[in-house]
Amino acid sequence: MVRIVIADDADLSLVGAALLLKAEPDFEVVGVCHDLADLLLLLSSQPVDVVVVSDRLDPDLNSPALVDHLRQAAPQARLILMSAICEGRIVHELLTGGAMGYLYKGDLLQNDLVNAVYAVMRGKPYLSPLANTEYLVAAQAGRNEWRLDDEARDVLRLLAQGYRPQEIGLQRQVSARRIYWVVSKLRLHFAAETNEHLIALAVQAGFLARVYGA
């Protein structure tokens, strides 16, 4: 029996996913959660095979950070993310970070959700159709592209909080020139014309949870 937890801040998505999975004789839904705190508490109290979670479960965490939290809380569990964002770069980032499934909510999740659970339990990643298409396009276009690392993510986060490059350099104990270089790489990566445009695109693509102070 596959033990599954579902977490989503939207009641309709939560109920729908639970109904689909409970209909499968091989699945047992052992919990449903409306926020990250409840999910982490549940994961600490019992073994779970699969976590099906919305990428917007916590408004203060972007998708990669959410995956990091869940990987630390339940390293043995397979993670399947559900999202309203269909962006190949973030899908690649999440799979690299430890997620095993990515379901775009614009696809027919009544088919994909069950198939995704079976796939990840066999050790295979699963992407819903449109997410898979965007992932392949991004992978082909970005074979030689600079990748976002921890430094780039932190600089992006601090930019979104309103810090200037000089201030970010002081926080990270590196030169302002280094921060300007990272920002230029970020703008090239997202095809952004300005820092404001960069932040807006990063939010849209799921690399930032929100624009701080907005």
Protein backbone atom coordinates (compact mmCIF):
# COMPACT_ATOMS: atom_id res chain seq x y z
CA MET A 1 0.00 0.00 0.00
CA VAL A 2 1.37 3.39 -1.03
CA ARG A 3 1.05 5.92 1.80
CA ILE A 4 0.31 9.41 0.40
CA VAL A 5 0.04 12.88 1.90
CA ILE A 6 -1.58 15.74 -0.03
CA ALA A 7 -0.90 19.40 0.77
CA ASP A 8 -2.54 22.38 -0.93
CA ASP A 9 -3.80 25.72 0.32
CA ALA A 10 -6.76 25.54 -2.11
CA ASP A 11 -9.62 23.42 -0.76
CA LEU A 12 -10.93 22.50 -4.20
CA SER A 13 -7.58 21.12 -5.35
CA LEU A 14 -7.08 19.32 -2.05
CA VAL A 15 -10.46 17.59 -2.12
CA GLY A 16 -10.19 16.71 -5.80
CA ALA A 17 -6.74 15.17 -5.44
CA ALA A 18 -7.81 13.20 -2.39
CA LEU A 19 -10.86 11.77 -4.19
CA LEU A 20 -8.76 10.68 -7.18
CA LEU A 21 -6.13 8.97 -5.08
CA LYS A 22 -8.53 7.31 -2.64
CA ALA A 23 -10.25 5.63 -5.58
CA GLU A 24 -7.08 3.61 -6.27
CA PRO A 25 -6.94 0.30 -4.33
CA ASP A 26 -3.14 0.50 -4.05
CA PHE A 27 -3.15 3.95 -2.45
CA GLU A 28 -3.83 5.12 1.09
CA VAL A 29 -4.21 8.85 1.73
CA VAL A 30 -2.84 9.17 5.26
CA GLY A 31 -3.21 12.92 5.56
CA VAL A 32 -4.29 16.18 3.96
CA CYS A 33 -2.71 19.51 4.90
CA HIS A 34 -3.56 23.14 4.23
CA ASP A 35 -0.20 24.70 5.10
CA LEU A 36 3.48 23.88 5.42
CA ALA A 37 3.51 23.75 9.23
CA ASP A 38 0.84 21.03 9.28
CA LEU A 39 2.64 19.12 6.54
CA LEU A 40 5.99 19.16 8.35
CA LEU A 41 4.29 18.04 11.57
CA LEU A 42 2.62 15.15 9.79
CA LEU A 43 5.85 14.09 8.07
CA SER A 44 7.61 14.01 11.43
CA SER A 45 4.96 11.76 12.96
CA GLN A 46 4.62 8.90 10.46
CA PRO A 47 6.29 7.31 7.43
CA VAL A 48 5.08 8.54 4.03
CA ASP A 49 5.87 7.19 0.57
CA VAL A 50 4.63 10.07 -1.60
CA VAL A 51 4.02 13.76 -0.91
CA VAL A 52 1.76 15.56 -3.40
CA VAL A 53 2.15 19.27 -2.72
CA SER A 54 1.20 22.61 -4.26
CA ASP A 55 4.18 24.81 -5.06
CA ARG A 56 2.29 27.72 -3.46
CA LEU A 57 1.72 25.98 -0.13
CA ASP A 58 3.79 28.60 1.70
CA PRO A 59 3.65 32.17 0.33
CA ASP A 60 7.11 32.94 1.74
CA LEU A 61 8.91 30.08 -0.01
CA ASN A 62 9.70 29.70 -3.68
CA SER A 63 9.44 26.28 -5.26
CA PRO A 64 13.11 25.22 -4.91
CA ALA A 65 13.12 26.26 -1.24
CA LEU A 66 9.93 24.29 -0.63
CA VAL A 67 11.51 21.19 -2.16
CA ASP A 68 14.59 21.68 0.03
CA HIS A 69 12.42 21.85 3.16
CA LEU A 70 10.50 18.71 2.26
CA ARG A 71 13.61 16.76 1.27
CA GLN A 72 15.07 17.49 4.71
CA ALA A 73 11.81 16.63 6.52
CA ALA A 74 11.15 13.39 4.62
CA PRO A 75 14.21 12.31 2.63
CA GLN A 76 12.68 8.91 1.83
CA ALA A 77 9.45 10.32 0.39
CA ARG A 78 8.91 10.93 -3.34
CA LEU A 79 7.83 14.52 -4.04
CA ILE A 80 5.25 15.46 -6.67
CA LEU A 81 4.59 19.17 -7.15
CA MET A 82 1.39 20.62 -8.53
CA SER A 83 1.62 24.10 -10.03
CA ALA A 84 -0.20 26.71 -12.07
CA ILE A 85 3.18 27.62 -13.60
CA CYS A 86 4.38 25.85 -16.74
CA GLU A 87 7.97 27.04 -17.14
CA GLY A 88 10.69 24.66 -18.27
CA ARG A 89 13.51 26.29 -16.31
CA ILE A 90 11.78 25.92 -12.95
CA VAL A 91 10.78 22.33 -13.77
CA HIS A 92 14.44 21.53 -14.45
CA GLU A 93 15.48 23.27 -11.22
CA LEU A 94 12.99 21.28 -9.16
CA LEU A 95 13.87 17.91 -10.65
CA THR A 96 17.54 18.66 -10.05
CA GLY A 97 16.69 19.65 -6.47
CA GLY A 98 15.00 16.38 -5.61
CA ALA A 99 11.40 16.48 -6.84
CA MET A 100 10.32 13.43 -8.83
CA GLY A 101 7.11 14.72 -10.36
CA TYR A 102 5.73 18.01 -11.69
CA LEU A 103 2.08 18.42 -12.64
CA TYR A 104 0.88 21.54 -14.40
CA LYS A 105 -2.65 22.31 -13.23
CA GLY A 106 -3.63 23.25 -16.79
CA ASP A 107 -3.23 19.60 -17.80
CA LEU A 108 -5.81 16.89 -17.07
CA LEU A 109 -4.76 16.02 -13.55
CA GLN A 110 -7.44 13.37 -13.20
CA ASN A 111 -5.23 11.25 -15.47
CA ASP A 112 -1.80 12.55 -14.57
CA LEU A 113 -2.00 12.46 -10.78
CA VAL A 114 -2.57 8.70 -10.48
CA ASN A 115 0.00 7.96 -13.20
CA ALA A 116 2.52 10.21 -11.47
CA VAL A 117 2.25 8.33 -8.18
CA TYR A 118 2.73 4.97 -9.86
CA ALA A 119 5.71 6.31 -11.83
CA VAL A 120 7.59 7.81 -8.89
CA MET A 121 7.03 4.66 -6.85
CA ARG A 122 8.86 2.83 -9.64
CA GLY A 123 11.69 5.33 -9.30
CA LYS A 124 10.85 7.19 -12.51
CA PRO A 125 10.23 10.95 -12.81
CA TYR A 126 6.86 12.06 -14.13
CA LEU A 127 5.87 15.31 -15.85
CA SER A 128 2.40 16.18 -17.06
CA PRO A 129 2.25 16.74 -20.86
CA LEU A 130 2.66 20.52 -21.07
CA ALA A 131 5.23 20.55 -18.28
CA ASN A 132 7.19 17.88 -20.12
CA THR A 133 7.11 19.89 -23.36
CA GLU A 134 8.35 23.05 -21.64
CA TYR A 135 11.03 21.07 -19.81
CA LEU A 136 12.36 19.58 -23.06
CA VAL A 137 12.41 22.98 -24.78
CA ALA A 138 14.28 24.54 -21.86
CA ALA A 139 16.72 21.63 -21.66
CA GLN A 140 17.53 21.86 -25.37
CA ALA A 141 17.93 25.63 -25.31
CA GLY A 142 19.97 25.70 -22.14
CA ARG A 143 22.55 22.96 -22.53
CA ASN A 144 25.37 25.45 -22.31
CA GLU A 145 23.47 28.03 -20.27
CA TRP A 146 24.66 29.36 -16.93
CA ARG A 147 22.78 27.69 -14.07
CA LEU A 148 21.33 29.31 -10.96
CA ASP A 149 23.33 28.23 -7.92
CA ASP A 150 22.89 29.09 -4.23
CA GLU A 151 24.75 32.38 -4.69
CA ALA A 152 22.52 33.45 -7.57
CA ARG A 153 19.34 32.50 -5.70
CA ASP A 154 20.44 34.49 -2.66
CA VAL A 155 21.33 37.55 -4.74
CA LEU A 156 17.97 37.30 -6.51
CA ARG A 157 16.15 37.08 -3.17
CA LEU A 158 17.99 40.10 -1.76
CA LEU A 159 17.33 42.14 -4.91
CA ALA A 160 13.63 41.37 -4.51
CA GLN A 161 13.82 42.62 -0.91
CA GLY A 162 15.11 45.96 -2.18
CA TYR A 163 18.82 45.70 -1.41
CA ARG A 164 21.32 47.35 -3.72
CA PRO A 165 24.31 45.40 -5.10
CA GLN A 166 26.70 47.18 -2.73
CA GLU A 167 24.55 46.19 0.25
CA ILE A 168 24.26 42.61 -0.99
CA GLY A 169 28.04 42.46 -1.30
CA LEU A 170 28.42 43.55 2.33
CA GLN A 171 25.92 40.92 3.49
CA ARG A 172 27.62 38.15 1.54
CA GLN A 173 31.13 39.47 2.33
CA VAL A 174 32.13 39.70 -1.33
CA SER A 175 32.93 42.62 -3.59
CA ALA A 176 30.23 44.71 -5.23
CA ARG A 177 31.85 43.80 -8.55
CA ARG A 178 31.06 40.14 -7.87
CA ILE A 179 27.41 40.98 -7.16
CA TYR A 180 27.13 43.07 -10.33
CA TRP A 181 28.49 40.08 -12.27
CA VAL A 182 25.89 37.75 -10.72
CA VAL A 183 23.10 40.24 -11.46
CA SER A 184 24.23 40.53 -15.08
CA LYS A 185 24.14 36.74 -15.39
CA LEU A 186 20.68 36.65 -13.83
CA ARG A 187 19.40 39.28 -16.25
CA LEU A 188 20.86 37.37 -19.18
CA HIS A 189 19.38 34.11 -17.88
CA PHE A 190 15.88 35.58 -17.65
CA ALA A 191 16.25 37.89 -20.68
CA ALA A 192 15.48 40.84 -18.41
CA GLU A 193 16.18 44.44 -19.40
CA THR A 194 16.25 45.89 -15.87
CA ASN A 195 16.47 44.60 -12.31
CA GLU A 196 12.75 45.29 -11.86
CA HIS A 197 12.02 43.28 -14.98
CA LEU A 198 14.29 40.51 -13.64
CA ILE A 199 12.37 40.29 -10.38
CA ALA A 200 9.00 40.25 -12.17
CA LEU A 201 10.15 37.44 -14.49
CA ALA A 202 11.62 35.45 -11.59
CA VAL A 203 8.31 35.65 -9.72
CA GLN A 204 6.41 34.63 -12.85
CA ALA A 205 8.70 31.64 -13.40
CA GLY A 206 8.48 30.48 -9.78
CA PHE A 207 12.04 31.31 -8.68
CA LEU A 208 10.73 33.91 -6.22
CA ALA A 209 7.72 33.34 -4.01
CA ARG A 210 6.70 36.99 -4.06
CA VAL A 211 7.96 40.55 -4.43
CA TYR A 212 8.80 41.72 -0.92
CA GLY A 213 7.11 44.91 0.14
CA ALA A 214 4.60 44.69 -2.73
